[in-house]
C-alpha cells in the first residue's frame, strides 16, 4: 500500500525551436496563453484553474524536459523521494521559485529513463469554462494523459502499479501473451499514463481533453483554414482501446498532441482491466482504418534531469512489429 497520493496528470514541459511558430499553432488549437516571456510560453485549457498544463521553452533542439503528475500533499514529495532513492533512481529537487508558478517539485529519471516530475502546488488562474466567447479552434479543455514508448513495458507496469499505486484499465498482449502496452490511471478515467513497447524512453504523445466530438471537427477545420492541414497525422477516429474519439497532430517541432474525448469511468474498486490482442483490428481504431507509419516510428526524445542532454534510446525487449490486422 503506497503512503502518498498521486492525483492526476499535471503538466508537460517541452523544448521547441521556434517560439512564434509554436505560439501560433497552439493558439490555433484553442489553448489559452496564461503568460509568456522571451523564452517561454505557458498554456492551459479552458477548464483548468491552475496557471498552466503545457510549458514551451525555446531551445536549440526539440525534446521533452519533463512530464509531470500532481500530488495531493507537499509531504508526498518527500515520500516519493525516499522511494526513488531506495530504487537507485536519479532524483533532483526543483525548489520553489525556480519554476514559474510551481511550488517545490521533485524530478526523477523513472525506471524506463523518462524524466518525470511530481509537484503539489501551482498558482491559480481564472477558470474559463463558461467564457464561451473565448472558445476557438478545438476548444481544448484540460490535459488528460501521457503516452510513452518504453523498452520494457512489463518492468515499467510493475513499478507504476506496485510502487506508485496506478491502476490498469486496459492492456494489450502479443501472440505470446506478453504485456505489449498498458493504460494506467490515478484519476477515474482510462489513463494518466500509457506505456507502449517501443524504442525508448520517448514520449509518444500528450493527450488533451475536448468538450465533445464536434470539437475535433472544428479543430480540423480551423487548422486547415490556417494552413496546418499537413500537421494532422491521424484521425479523426474512435479508439477501440478507451472507446475515445481521437485526433493526432504534430506541432511545428514534431511533438505529437492527441485531442481526446469520450472514454469512461474507472473508479469502481472492482473494475476489471480490459484485455486486447495486438492484432485485433478494432483495438487501435474501432472503425478499422490503419495508422500511418510515422505514428509507429516517431516520438519525442527525452532529457536527463541532471545534464539536460538527451537520454540514449534502447531497442524494446519485445520484437518491434506493427499489428497485422488479421480479420
C-alpha atoms as a PDB file:
ATOM      1  CA  UNK A   1       0.000   0.000   0.000  1.00  0.00           C
ATOM      2  CA  UNK A   2       1.514   3.333  -1.052  1.00  0.00           C
ATOM      3  CA  UNK A   3       1.727   6.142   1.510  1.00  0.00           C
ATOM      4  CA  UNK A   4       1.424   9.062  -0.910  1.00  0.00           C
ATOM      5  CA  UNK A   5      -1.303  10.255  -3.264  1.00  0.00           C
ATOM      6  CA  UNK A   6      -0.608  10.941  -6.931  1.00  0.00           C
ATOM      7  CA  UNK A   7      -3.777  12.667  -8.161  1.00  0.00           C
ATOM      8  CA  UNK A   8      -3.522  13.073 -11.923  1.00  0.00           C
ATOM      9  CA  UNK A   9      -1.556  14.106 -14.985  1.00  0.00           C
ATOM     10  CA  UNK A  10      -0.318  17.639 -14.302  1.00  0.00           C
ATOM     11  CA  UNK A  11       1.739  19.329 -16.982  1.00  0.00           C
ATOM     12  CA  UNK A  12       4.295  18.795 -19.740  1.00  0.00           C
ATOM     13  CA  UNK A  13       7.485  20.783 -20.317  1.00  0.00           C
ATOM     14  CA  UNK A  14       8.632  20.748 -23.941  1.00  0.00           C
ATOM     15  CA  UNK A  15      11.584  22.289 -25.736  1.00  0.00           C
ATOM     16  CA  UNK A  16      10.756  23.912 -29.072  1.00  0.00           C
ATOM     17  CA  UNK A  17      12.980  25.646 -31.592  1.00  0.00           C
ATOM     18  CA  UNK A  18      10.757  28.493 -32.787  1.00  0.00           C
ATOM     19  CA  UNK A  19       8.580  30.085 -30.126  1.00  0.00           C
ATOM     20  CA  UNK A  20       6.488  32.173 -32.520  1.00  0.00           C
ATOM     21  CA  UNK A  21       5.621  29.196 -34.719  1.00  0.00           C
ATOM     22  CA  UNK A  22       4.682  27.187 -31.650  1.00  0.00           C
ATOM     23  CA  UNK A  23       2.623  30.025 -30.245  1.00  0.00           C
ATOM     24  CA  UNK A  24       0.630  30.338 -33.471  1.00  0.00           C
ATOM     25  CA  UNK A  25      -0.006  26.582 -33.653  1.00  0.00           C
ATOM     26  CA  UNK A  26      -1.213  26.129 -30.072  1.00  0.00           C
ATOM     27  CA  UNK A  27      -3.288  29.292 -30.285  1.00  0.00           C
ATOM     28  CA  UNK A  28      -4.985  27.865 -33.391  1.00  0.00           C
ATOM     29  CA  UNK A  29      -5.827  24.719 -31.411  1.00  0.00           C
ATOM     30  CA  UNK A  30      -7.647  26.786 -28.826  1.00  0.00           C
ATOM     31  CA  UNK A  31      -5.225  26.761 -25.894  1.00  0.00           C
ATOM     32  CA  UNK A  32      -5.238  29.734 -23.514  1.00  0.00           C
ATOM     33  CA  UNK A  33      -1.937  31.593 -23.184  1.00  0.00           C
ATOM     34  CA  UNK A  34      -1.612  32.361 -19.465  1.00  0.00           C
ATOM     35  CA  UNK A  35       1.756  34.067 -19.590  1.00  0.00           C
ATOM     36  CA  UNK A  36       4.839  34.422 -21.765  1.00  0.00           C
ATOM     37  CA  UNK A  37       8.335  35.837 -21.786  1.00  0.00           C
ATOM     38  CA  UNK A  38      11.032  35.953 -24.442  1.00  0.00           C
ATOM     39  CA  UNK A  39      11.934  32.287 -23.939  1.00  0.00           C
ATOM     40  CA  UNK A  40       8.821  30.548 -22.586  1.00  0.00           C
ATOM     41  CA  UNK A  41       5.098  30.097 -23.239  1.00  0.00           C
ATOM     42  CA  UNK A  42       2.645  28.893 -20.567  1.00  0.00           C
ATOM     43  CA  UNK A  43      -0.609  27.426 -21.892  1.00  0.00           C
ATOM     44  CA  UNK A  44      -3.693  25.995 -20.213  1.00  0.00           C
ATOM     45  CA  UNK A  45      -7.084  24.641 -21.220  1.00  0.00           C
ATOM     46  CA  UNK A  46     -10.387  26.452 -20.788  1.00  0.00           C
ATOM     47  CA  UNK A  47     -11.455  24.248 -17.878  1.00  0.00           C
ATOM     48  CA  UNK A  48      -8.191  24.428 -15.955  1.00  0.00           C
ATOM     49  CA  UNK A  49      -7.944  26.536 -12.806  1.00  0.00           C
ATOM     50  CA  UNK A  50      -4.146  26.266 -12.490  1.00  0.00           C
ATOM     51  CA  UNK A  51      -1.587  28.506 -14.176  1.00  0.00           C
ATOM     52  CA  UNK A  52      -0.674  26.072 -16.951  1.00  0.00           C
ATOM     53  CA  UNK A  53      -0.582  22.483 -18.149  1.00  0.00           C
ATOM     54  CA  UNK A  54       1.826  22.973 -21.050  1.00  0.00           C
ATOM     55  CA  UNK A  55       5.169  24.789 -20.992  1.00  0.00           C
ATOM     56  CA  UNK A  56       7.075  25.505 -24.199  1.00  0.00           C
ATOM     57  CA  UNK A  57      10.704  26.591 -23.799  1.00  0.00           C
ATOM     58  CA  UNK A  58      12.769  27.974 -26.656  1.00  0.00           C
ATOM     59  CA  UNK A  59      15.862  25.800 -27.070  1.00  0.00           C
ATOM     60  CA  UNK A  60      18.174  24.815 -29.957  1.00  0.00           C
ATOM     61  CA  UNK A  61      16.871  21.233 -30.071  1.00  0.00           C
ATOM     62  CA  UNK A  62      13.310  19.943 -29.580  1.00  0.00           C
ATOM     63  CA  UNK A  63      12.871  17.460 -26.714  1.00  0.00           C
ATOM     64  CA  UNK A  64      10.782  16.635 -23.654  1.00  0.00           C
ATOM     65  CA  UNK A  65      12.192  18.135 -20.471  1.00  0.00           C
ATOM     66  CA  UNK A  66       9.596  16.566 -18.150  1.00  0.00           C
ATOM     67  CA  UNK A  67       6.175  15.015 -17.874  1.00  0.00           C
ATOM     68  CA  UNK A  68       4.512  15.821 -14.560  1.00  0.00           C
ATOM     69  CA  UNK A  69       1.989  14.455 -12.090  1.00  0.00           C
ATOM     70  CA  UNK A  70       0.220  16.439  -9.383  1.00  0.00           C
ATOM     71  CA  UNK A  71       0.260  15.004  -5.849  1.00  0.00           C
ATOM     72  CA  UNK A  72      -2.153  15.815  -3.030  1.00  0.00           C
ATOM     73  CA  UNK A  73       0.194  16.973  -0.265  1.00  0.00           C
ATOM     74  CA  UNK A  74       3.603  18.621  -0.050  1.00  0.00           C
ATOM     75  CA  UNK A  75       4.860  15.771   2.142  1.00  0.00           C
ATOM     76  CA  UNK A  76       4.041  13.313  -0.640  1.00  0.00           C
ATOM     77  CA  UNK A  77       7.084  14.673  -2.473  1.00  0.00           C
ATOM     78  CA  UNK A  78       9.419  13.650   0.356  1.00  0.00           C
ATOM     79  CA  UNK A  79       7.867  10.186   0.477  1.00  0.00           C
ATOM     80  CA  UNK A  80       8.344   9.830  -3.272  1.00  0.00           C
ATOM     81  CA  UNK A  81      11.989  10.888  -2.986  1.00  0.00           C
ATOM     82  CA  UNK A  82      12.528   8.194  -0.357  1.00  0.00           C
ATOM     83  CA  UNK A  83      11.006   5.566  -2.640  1.00  0.00           C
ATOM     84  CA  UNK A  84      13.013   6.558  -5.695  1.00  0.00           C
ATOM     85  CA  UNK A  85      16.281   6.740  -3.762  1.00  0.00           C
ATOM     86  CA  UNK A  86      15.671   3.214  -2.480  1.00  0.00           C
ATOM     87  CA  UNK A  87      15.198   2.160  -6.093  1.00  0.00           C
ATOM     88  CA  UNK A  88      18.505   3.765  -7.034  1.00  0.00           C
ATOM     89  CA  UNK A  89      16.861   6.293  -9.335  1.00  0.00           C
ATOM     90  CA  UNK A  90      18.321   9.681 -10.164  1.00  0.00           C
ATOM     91  CA  UNK A  91      16.432  12.481  -8.353  1.00  0.00           C
ATOM     92  CA  UNK A  92      16.583  16.282  -8.475  1.00  0.00           C
ATOM     93  CA  UNK A  93      14.748  18.894  -6.411  1.00  0.00           C
ATOM     94  CA  UNK A  94      13.336  21.932  -8.184  1.00  0.00           C
ATOM     95  CA  UNK A  95      12.971  24.357  -5.310  1.00  0.00           C
ATOM     96  CA  UNK A  96      10.091  26.800  -5.078  1.00  0.00           C
ATOM     97  CA  UNK A  97      10.817  29.903  -7.109  1.00  0.00           C
ATOM     98  CA  UNK A  98      12.981  28.153  -9.681  1.00  0.00           C
ATOM     99  CA  UNK A  99       9.975  27.387 -11.911  1.00  0.00           C
ATOM    100  CA  UNK A 100       7.249  29.837 -12.862  1.00  0.00           C
ATOM    101  CA  UNK A 101       4.024  29.335 -10.863  1.00  0.00           C
ATOM    102  CA  UNK A 102       5.061  25.915  -9.486  1.00  0.00           C
ATOM    103  CA  UNK A 103       5.976  25.138  -5.897  1.00  0.00           C
ATOM    104  CA  UNK A 104       8.687  22.746  -4.807  1.00  0.00           C
ATOM    105  CA  UNK A 105       8.898  19.843  -7.265  1.00  0.00           C
ATOM    106  CA  UNK A 106      10.717  16.528  -7.405  1.00  0.00           C
ATOM    107  CA  UNK A 107      12.123  15.310 -10.704  1.00  0.00           C
ATOM    108  CA  UNK A 108      13.189  11.719 -11.220  1.00  0.00           C
ATOM    109  CA  UNK A 109      14.535   9.583 -14.020  1.00  0.00           C
ATOM    110  CA  UNK A 110      11.989   6.809 -13.789  1.00  0.00           C
ATOM    111  CA  UNK A 111      12.559   3.089 -14.199  1.00  0.00           C
ATOM    112  CA  UNK A 112      12.415   3.438 -18.006  1.00  0.00           C
ATOM    113  CA  UNK A 113      14.530   6.598 -18.155  1.00  0.00           C
ATOM    114  CA  UNK A 114      11.625   9.015 -18.563  1.00  0.00           C
ATOM    115  CA  UNK A 115      12.027  12.440 -16.888  1.00  0.00           C
ATOM    116  CA  UNK A 116       9.057  12.570 -14.510  1.00  0.00           C
ATOM    117  CA  UNK A 117       8.193  15.471 -12.211  1.00  0.00           C
ATOM    118  CA  UNK A 118       5.927  15.494  -9.148  1.00  0.00           C
ATOM    119  CA  UNK A 119       4.526  18.682  -7.626  1.00  0.00           C
ATOM    120  CA  UNK A 120       1.822  19.611  -5.131  1.00  0.00           C
ATOM    121  CA  UNK A 121       1.269  23.329  -5.646  1.00  0.00           C
ATOM    122  CA  UNK A 122       0.718  25.547  -8.659  1.00  0.00           C
ATOM    123  CA  UNK A 123      -0.559  29.121  -8.789  1.00  0.00           C
ATOM    124  CA  UNK A 124      -4.176  29.552  -9.789  1.00  0.00           C
ATOM    125  CA  UNK A 125      -5.614  31.101 -12.925  1.00  0.00           C
ATOM    126  CA  UNK A 126      -9.097  32.118 -13.995  1.00  0.00           C
ATOM    127  CA  UNK A 127     -11.220  29.126 -14.957  1.00  0.00           C
ATOM    128  CA  UNK A 128     -12.710  29.941 -18.357  1.00  0.00           C
ATOM    129  CA  UNK A 129     -15.105  27.019 -18.778  1.00  0.00           C
ATOM    130  CA  UNK A 130     -18.125  29.301 -19.305  1.00  0.00           C
ATOM    131  CA  UNK A 131     -16.279  32.025 -21.209  1.00  0.00           C
ATOM    132  CA  UNK A 132     -17.736  30.756 -24.475  1.00  0.00           C
ATOM    133  CA  UNK A 133     -16.699  33.980 -26.156  1.00  0.00           C
ATOM    134  CA  UNK A 134     -13.106  32.722 -25.858  1.00  0.00           C
ATOM    135  CA  UNK A 135     -13.766  29.286 -27.362  1.00  0.00           C
ATOM    136  CA  UNK A 136     -11.907  28.751 -30.633  1.00  0.00           C
ATOM    137  CA  UNK A 137     -10.172  26.015 -32.588  1.00  0.00           C
ATOM    138  CA  UNK A 138     -10.641  22.661 -30.868  1.00  0.00           C
ATOM    139  CA  UNK A 139     -11.620  24.417 -27.608  1.00  0.00           C
ATOM    140  CA  UNK A 140      -9.061  22.484 -25.539  1.00  0.00           C
ATOM    141  CA  UNK A 141     -10.376  21.883 -22.021  1.00  0.00           C
ATOM    142  CA  UNK A 142      -7.613  20.219 -19.971  1.00  0.00           C
ATOM    143  CA  UNK A 143      -4.589  17.949 -20.034  1.00  0.00           C
ATOM    144  CA  UNK A 144      -5.522  14.275 -19.806  1.00  0.00           C
ATOM    145  CA  UNK A 145      -2.632  11.823 -20.233  1.00  0.00           C
ATOM    146  CA  UNK A 146       0.838  10.914 -21.444  1.00  0.00           C
ATOM    147  CA  UNK A 147       1.655   8.040 -23.782  1.00  0.00           C
ATOM    148  CA  UNK A 148       5.254   6.824 -23.678  1.00  0.00           C
ATOM    149  CA  UNK A 149       7.331   4.295 -25.585  1.00  0.00           C
ATOM    150  CA  UNK A 150       9.476   2.216 -23.216  1.00  0.00           C
ATOM    151  CA  UNK A 151      11.854  -0.693 -23.851  1.00  0.00           C
ATOM    152  CA  UNK A 152      10.330  -2.952 -21.172  1.00  0.00           C
ATOM    153  CA  UNK A 153       6.591  -2.484 -20.657  1.00  0.00           C
ATOM    154  CA  UNK A 154       6.225  -5.189 -18.007  1.00  0.00           C
ATOM    155  CA  UNK A 155       9.027  -3.733 -15.889  1.00  0.00           C
ATOM    156  CA  UNK A 156       7.500  -0.249 -16.054  1.00  0.00           C
ATOM    157  CA  UNK A 157       3.992  -1.627 -15.460  1.00  0.00           C
ATOM    158  CA  UNK A 158       5.114  -3.445 -12.320  1.00  0.00           C
ATOM    159  CA  UNK A 159       6.741  -0.322 -10.887  1.00  0.00           C
ATOM    160  CA  UNK A 160       3.865   2.047 -11.604  1.00  0.00           C
ATOM    161  CA  UNK A 161       1.199  -0.332 -10.285  1.00  0.00           C
ATOM    162  CA  UNK A 162       3.010  -1.887  -7.314  1.00  0.00           C
ATOM    163  CA  UNK A 163       5.144   1.028  -6.137  1.00  0.00           C
ATOM    164  CA  UNK A 164       3.259   4.137  -7.271  1.00  0.00           C
ATOM    165  CA  UNK A 165      -0.354   2.966  -6.921  1.00  0.00           C
ATOM    166  CA  UNK A 166      -1.518   3.277 -10.515  1.00  0.00           C
ATOM    167  CA  UNK A 167      -4.366   1.021 -11.647  1.00  0.00           C
ATOM    168  CA  UNK A 168      -4.691  -0.656 -15.048  1.00  0.00           C
ATOM    169  CA  UNK A 169      -7.787  -0.005 -17.156  1.00  0.00           C
ATOM    170  CA  UNK A 170      -6.832  -1.766 -20.403  1.00  0.00           C
ATOM    171  CA  UNK A 171      -3.863  -3.685 -21.741  1.00  0.00           C
ATOM    172  CA  UNK A 172      -2.626  -5.326 -24.921  1.00  0.00           C
ATOM    173  CA  UNK A 173      -0.829  -8.664 -25.245  1.00  0.00           C
ATOM    174  CA  UNK A 174       1.131 -10.028 -28.174  1.00  0.00           C
ATOM    175  CA  UNK A 175       0.711 -13.518 -29.619  1.00  0.00           C
ATOM    176  CA  UNK A 176       2.915 -14.893 -26.814  1.00  0.00           C
ATOM    177  CA  UNK A 177       0.695 -13.353 -24.130  1.00  0.00           C
ATOM    178  CA  UNK A 178       3.312 -10.770 -23.162  1.00  0.00           C
ATOM    179  CA  UNK A 179       2.465  -7.251 -21.989  1.00  0.00           C
ATOM    180  CA  UNK A 180       2.768  -5.114 -25.131  1.00  0.00           C
ATOM    181  CA  UNK A 181       1.072  -1.981 -23.806  1.00  0.00           C
ATOM    182  CA  UNK A 182      -0.796  -0.885 -20.680  1.00  0.00           C
ATOM    183  CA  UNK A 183      -3.114   2.017 -19.872  1.00  0.00           C
ATOM    184  CA  UNK A 184      -2.691   3.148 -16.254  1.00  0.00           C
ATOM    185  CA  UNK A 185      -4.619   5.710 -14.256  1.00  0.00           C
ATOM    186  CA  UNK A 186      -4.826   7.635 -10.995  1.00  0.00           C
ATOM    187  CA  UNK A 187      -7.797   9.844 -11.841  1.00  0.00           C
ATOM    188  CA  UNK A 188     -11.023   7.910 -12.566  1.00  0.00           C
ATOM    189  CA  UNK A 189     -10.852   7.633 -16.347  1.00  0.00           C
ATOM    190  CA  UNK A 190      -8.932   5.340 -18.677  1.00  0.00           C
ATOM    191  CA  UNK A 191      -5.415   6.685 -18.248  1.00  0.00           C
ATOM    192  CA  UNK A 192      -2.960   9.191 -16.957  1.00  0.00           C
ATOM    193  CA  UNK A 193      -0.059   7.206 -18.396  1.00  0.00           C
ATOM    194  CA  UNK A 194       0.094   4.701 -21.245  1.00  0.00           C
ATOM    195  CA  UNK A 195       3.162   2.504 -21.688  1.00  0.00           C
ATOM    196  CA  UNK A 196       3.853   1.066 -25.148  1.00  0.00           C
ATOM    197  CA  UNK A 197       6.504  -1.373 -26.337  1.00  0.00           C
ATOM    198  CA  UNK A 198       8.938   0.593 -28.466  1.00  0.00           C
ATOM    199  CA  UNK A 199      12.293   2.267 -28.884  1.00  0.00           C
ATOM    200  CA  UNK A 200      12.639   4.389 -25.791  1.00  0.00           C
ATOM    201  CA  UNK A 201      12.405   6.077 -23.491  1.00  0.00           C
ATOM    202  CA  UNK A 202      10.453   8.523 -25.640  1.00  0.00           C
ATOM    203  CA  UNK A 203       7.186  10.426 -25.263  1.00  0.00           C
ATOM    204  CA  UNK A 204       4.795   9.343 -27.990  1.00  0.00           C
ATOM    205  CA  UNK A 205       2.110  11.945 -27.297  1.00  0.00           C
ATOM    206  CA  UNK A 206       0.435  14.227 -24.802  1.00  0.00           C
ATOM    207  CA  UNK A 207      -3.345  13.934 -24.671  1.00  0.00           C
ATOM    208  CA  UNK A 208      -5.693  16.869 -24.106  1.00  0.00           C
ATOM    209  CA  UNK A 209      -9.403  16.546 -23.337  1.00  0.00           C
ATOM    210  CA  UNK A 210     -12.046  18.213 -25.515  1.00  0.00           C
ATOM    211  CA  UNK A 211     -15.634  19.055 -24.684  1.00  0.00           C
ATOM    212  CA  UNK A 212     -17.316  16.940 -27.406  1.00  0.00           C
ATOM    213  CA  UNK A 213     -16.642  15.144 -30.726  1.00  0.00           C
ATOM    214  CA  UNK A 214     -17.542  18.229 -32.774  1.00  0.00           C
ATOM    215  CA  UNK A 215     -14.576  19.994 -31.218  1.00  0.00           C
ATOM    216  CA  UNK A 216     -12.380  17.539 -33.145  1.00  0.00           C
ATOM    217  CA  UNK A 217     -14.069  18.528 -36.399  1.00  0.00           C
ATOM    218  CA  UNK A 218     -13.903  22.227 -35.577  1.00  0.00           C
ATOM    219  CA  UNK A 219     -10.215  21.826 -34.773  1.00  0.00           C
ATOM    220  CA  UNK A 220      -9.539  20.178 -38.135  1.00  0.00           C
ATOM    221  CA  UNK A 221     -11.458  22.896 -39.967  1.00  0.00           C
ATOM    222  CA  UNK A 222      -9.599  25.706 -38.219  1.00  0.00           C
ATOM    223  CA  UNK A 223      -6.198  24.084 -38.698  1.00  0.00           C
ATOM    224  CA  UNK A 224      -6.852  23.503 -42.394  1.00  0.00           C
ATOM    225  CA  UNK A 225      -8.072  27.059 -42.908  1.00  0.00           C
ATOM    226  CA  UNK A 226      -4.844  28.368 -41.358  1.00  0.00           C
ATOM    227  CA  UNK A 227      -2.586  26.146 -43.454  1.00  0.00           C
ATOM    228  CA  UNK A 228      -1.925  23.430 -40.860  1.00  0.00           C
ATOM    229  CA  UNK A 229      -3.572  20.506 -42.665  1.00  0.00           C
ATOM    230  CA  UNK A 230      -0.139  18.884 -43.014  1.00  0.00           C
ATOM    231  CA  UNK A 231       0.113  18.790 -39.209  1.00  0.00           C
ATOM    232  CA  UNK A 232      -2.874  16.422 -38.975  1.00  0.00           C
ATOM    233  CA  UNK A 233      -1.277  12.978 -38.702  1.00  0.00           C
ATOM    234  CA  UNK A 234      -4.118  10.590 -37.893  1.00  0.00           C
ATOM    235  CA  UNK A 235      -7.878  10.755 -37.430  1.00  0.00           C
ATOM    236  CA  UNK A 236     -10.427  11.824 -36.544  1.00  0.00           C
ATOM    237  CA  UNK A 237     -11.496   8.392 -35.385  1.00  0.00           C
ATOM    238  CA  UNK A 238     -12.587   6.313 -32.420  1.00  0.00           C
ATOM    239  CA  UNK A 239     -10.234   4.071 -30.484  1.00  0.00           C
ATOM    240  CA  UNK A 240     -11.249   0.552 -29.575  1.00  0.00           C
ATOM    241  CA  UNK A 241      -8.957   0.870 -26.590  1.00  0.00           C
ATOM    242  CA  UNK A 242     -10.539   3.523 -24.320  1.00  0.00           C
ATOM    243  CA  UNK A 243     -13.547   3.994 -26.656  1.00  0.00           C
ATOM    244  CA  UNK A 244     -12.474   7.620 -27.063  1.00  0.00           C
ATOM    245  CA  UNK A 245     -12.613   9.877 -30.109  1.00  0.00           C
ATOM    246  CA  UNK A 246      -9.146  10.990 -31.193  1.00  0.00           C
ATOM    247  CA  UNK A 247      -7.158  13.258 -33.456  1.00  0.00           C
ATOM    248  CA  UNK A 248      -3.355  13.162 -33.621  1.00  0.00           C
ATOM    249  CA  UNK A 249      -1.421  16.278 -34.581  1.00  0.00           C
ATOM    250  CA  UNK A 250       2.256  17.177 -34.907  1.00  0.00           C
ATOM    251  CA  UNK A 251       3.333  20.580 -33.691  1.00  0.00           C
ATOM    252  CA  UNK A 252       5.961  22.609 -35.610  1.00  0.00           C
ATOM    253  CA  UNK A 253       8.777  20.646 -33.896  1.00  0.00           C
ATOM    254  CA  UNK A 254       7.155  17.255 -34.354  1.00  0.00           C
ATOM    255  CA  UNK A 255       5.864  16.829 -30.790  1.00  0.00           C
ATOM    256  CA  UNK A 256       2.685  14.772 -31.040  1.00  0.00           C
ATOM    257  CA  UNK A 257      -0.540  16.066 -29.476  1.00  0.00           C
ATOM    258  CA  UNK A 258      -3.679  13.977 -29.151  1.00  0.00           C
ATOM    259  CA  UNK A 259      -7.055  15.670 -28.930  1.00  0.00           C
ATOM    260  CA  UNK A 260      -9.210  13.251 -26.963  1.00  0.00           C
ATOM    261  CA  UNK A 261     -12.797  12.833 -25.819  1.00  0.00           C
ATOM    262  CA  UNK A 262     -15.273  10.183 -24.703  1.00  0.00           C
ATOM    263  CA  UNK A 263     -13.646   7.496 -22.573  1.00  0.00           C
ATOM    264  CA  UNK A 264     -15.317   6.060 -19.470  1.00  0.00           C
ATOM    265  CA  UNK A 265     -15.372   5.863 -15.657  1.00  0.00           C
ATOM    266  CA  UNK A 266     -12.842   3.580 -13.936  1.00  0.00           C
ATOM    267  CA  UNK A 267     -13.345   4.491 -10.261  1.00  0.00           C
ATOM    268  CA  UNK A 268     -15.064   1.303  -9.067  1.00  0.00           C
ATOM    269  CA  UNK A 269     -12.648  -0.821  -6.995  1.00  0.00           C
ATOM    270  CA  UNK A 270     -13.901  -3.994  -8.671  1.00  0.00           C
ATOM    271  CA  UNK A 271     -13.314  -2.678 -12.206  1.00  0.00           C
ATOM    272  CA  UNK A 272     -11.519  -5.378 -14.183  1.00  0.00           C
ATOM    273  CA  UNK A 273      -8.920  -4.373 -16.804  1.00  0.00           C
ATOM    274  CA  UNK A 274      -9.907  -4.985 -20.420  1.00  0.00           C
ATOM    275  CA  UNK A 275      -7.605  -7.243 -22.431  1.00  0.00           C
ATOM    276  CA  UNK A 276      -6.875  -6.711 -26.125  1.00  0.00           C
ATOM    277  CA  UNK A 277      -4.941  -8.786 -28.621  1.00  0.00           C
ATOM    278  CA  UNK A 278      -2.272  -6.879 -30.529  1.00  0.00           C
ATOM    279  CA  UNK A 279      -3.687  -7.975 -33.870  1.00  0.00           C
ATOM    280  CA  UNK A 280      -7.309  -7.147 -33.104  1.00  0.00           C
ATOM    281  CA  UNK A 281      -8.243  -4.765 -35.968  1.00  0.00           C
ATOM    282  CA  UNK A 282     -10.600  -2.813 -33.688  1.00  0.00           C
ATOM    283  CA  UNK A 283      -8.039  -2.199 -30.928  1.00  0.00           C
ATOM    284  CA  UNK A 284      -6.305   0.908 -32.263  1.00  0.00           C
ATOM    285  CA  UNK A 285      -9.131   2.219 -34.392  1.00  0.00           C
ATOM    286  CA  UNK A 286     -12.608   0.920 -33.751  1.00  0.00           C
ATOM    287  CA  UNK A 287     -13.622   1.846 -37.294  1.00  0.00           C
ATOM    288  CA  UNK A 288     -10.772  -0.184 -38.765  1.00  0.00           C
ATOM    289  CA  UNK A 289      -8.510   2.272 -40.603  1.00  0.00           C
ATOM    290  CA  UNK A 290      -4.778   1.882 -40.071  1.00  0.00           C
ATOM    291  CA  UNK A 291      -2.366   4.349 -38.502  1.00  0.00           C
ATOM    292  CA  UNK A 292       0.416   5.828 -40.681  1.00  0.00           C
ATOM    293  CA  UNK A 293       3.996   4.584 -40.325  1.00  0.00           C
ATOM    294  CA  UNK A 294       5.016   7.810 -38.575  1.00  0.00           C
ATOM    295  CA  UNK A 295       2.624   7.018 -35.727  1.00  0.00           C
ATOM    296  CA  UNK A 296       4.542   3.796 -35.006  1.00  0.00           C
ATOM    297  CA  UNK A 297       8.078   5.011 -35.701  1.00  0.00           C
ATOM    298  CA  UNK A 298       8.325   8.598 -34.436  1.00  0.00           C
ATOM    299  CA  UNK A 299       8.223  10.086 -30.936  1.00  0.00           C
ATOM    300  CA  UNK A 300       9.862  12.848 -28.912  1.00  0.00           C
ATOM    301  CA  UNK A 301      13.183  12.162 -27.237  1.00  0.00           C
ATOM    302  CA  UNK A 302      13.600  12.974 -23.546  1.00  0.00           C
ATOM    303  CA  UNK A 303      16.235  14.686 -21.418  1.00  0.00           C
ATOM    304  CA  UNK A 304      18.429  13.695 -18.500  1.00  0.00           C
ATOM    305  CA  UNK A 305      17.153  15.575 -15.428  1.00  0.00           C
ATOM    306  CA  UNK A 306      20.713  16.497 -14.369  1.00  0.00           C
ATOM    307  CA  UNK A 307      22.699  17.118 -17.528  1.00  0.00           C
ATOM    308  CA  UNK A 308      19.900  18.276 -19.821  1.00  0.00           C
ATOM    309  CA  UNK A 309      21.280  16.009 -22.543  1.00  0.00           C
ATOM    310  CA  UNK A 310      19.131  13.553 -24.465  1.00  0.00           C
ATOM    311  CA  UNK A 311      18.763  10.125 -22.898  1.00  0.00           C
ATOM    312  CA  UNK A 312      20.143   7.324 -25.052  1.00  0.00           C
ATOM    313  CA  UNK A 313      17.324   5.266 -26.516  1.00  0.00           C
ATOM    314  CA  UNK A 314      17.208   1.468 -26.468  1.00  0.00           C
ATOM    315  CA  UNK A 315      15.578  -1.179 -28.574  1.00  0.00           C
ATOM    316  CA  UNK A 316      12.491  -2.726 -26.961  1.00  0.00           C
ATOM    317  CA  UNK A 317      12.599  -6.032 -25.112  1.00  0.00           C
ATOM    318  CA  UNK A 318       9.788  -7.418 -27.266  1.00  0.00           C
ATOM    319  CA  UNK A 319      10.223  -7.594 -31.024  1.00  0.00           C
ATOM    320  CA  UNK A 320       9.089  -4.491 -32.872  1.00  0.00           C
ATOM    321  CA  UNK A 321       6.196  -5.160 -35.206  1.00  0.00           C
ATOM    322  CA  UNK A 322       3.062  -3.497 -36.399  1.00  0.00           C
ATOM    323  CA  UNK A 323      -0.328  -5.070 -35.746  1.00  0.00           C
ATOM    324  CA  UNK A 324      -1.235  -7.452 -38.547  1.00  0.00           C
ATOM    325  CA  UNK A 325      -4.975  -6.694 -38.598  1.00  0.00           C
ATOM    326  CA  UNK A 326      -5.999 -10.257 -39.322  1.00  0.00           C
ATOM    327  CA  UNK A 327      -9.785 -10.358 -39.834  1.00  0.00           C
END
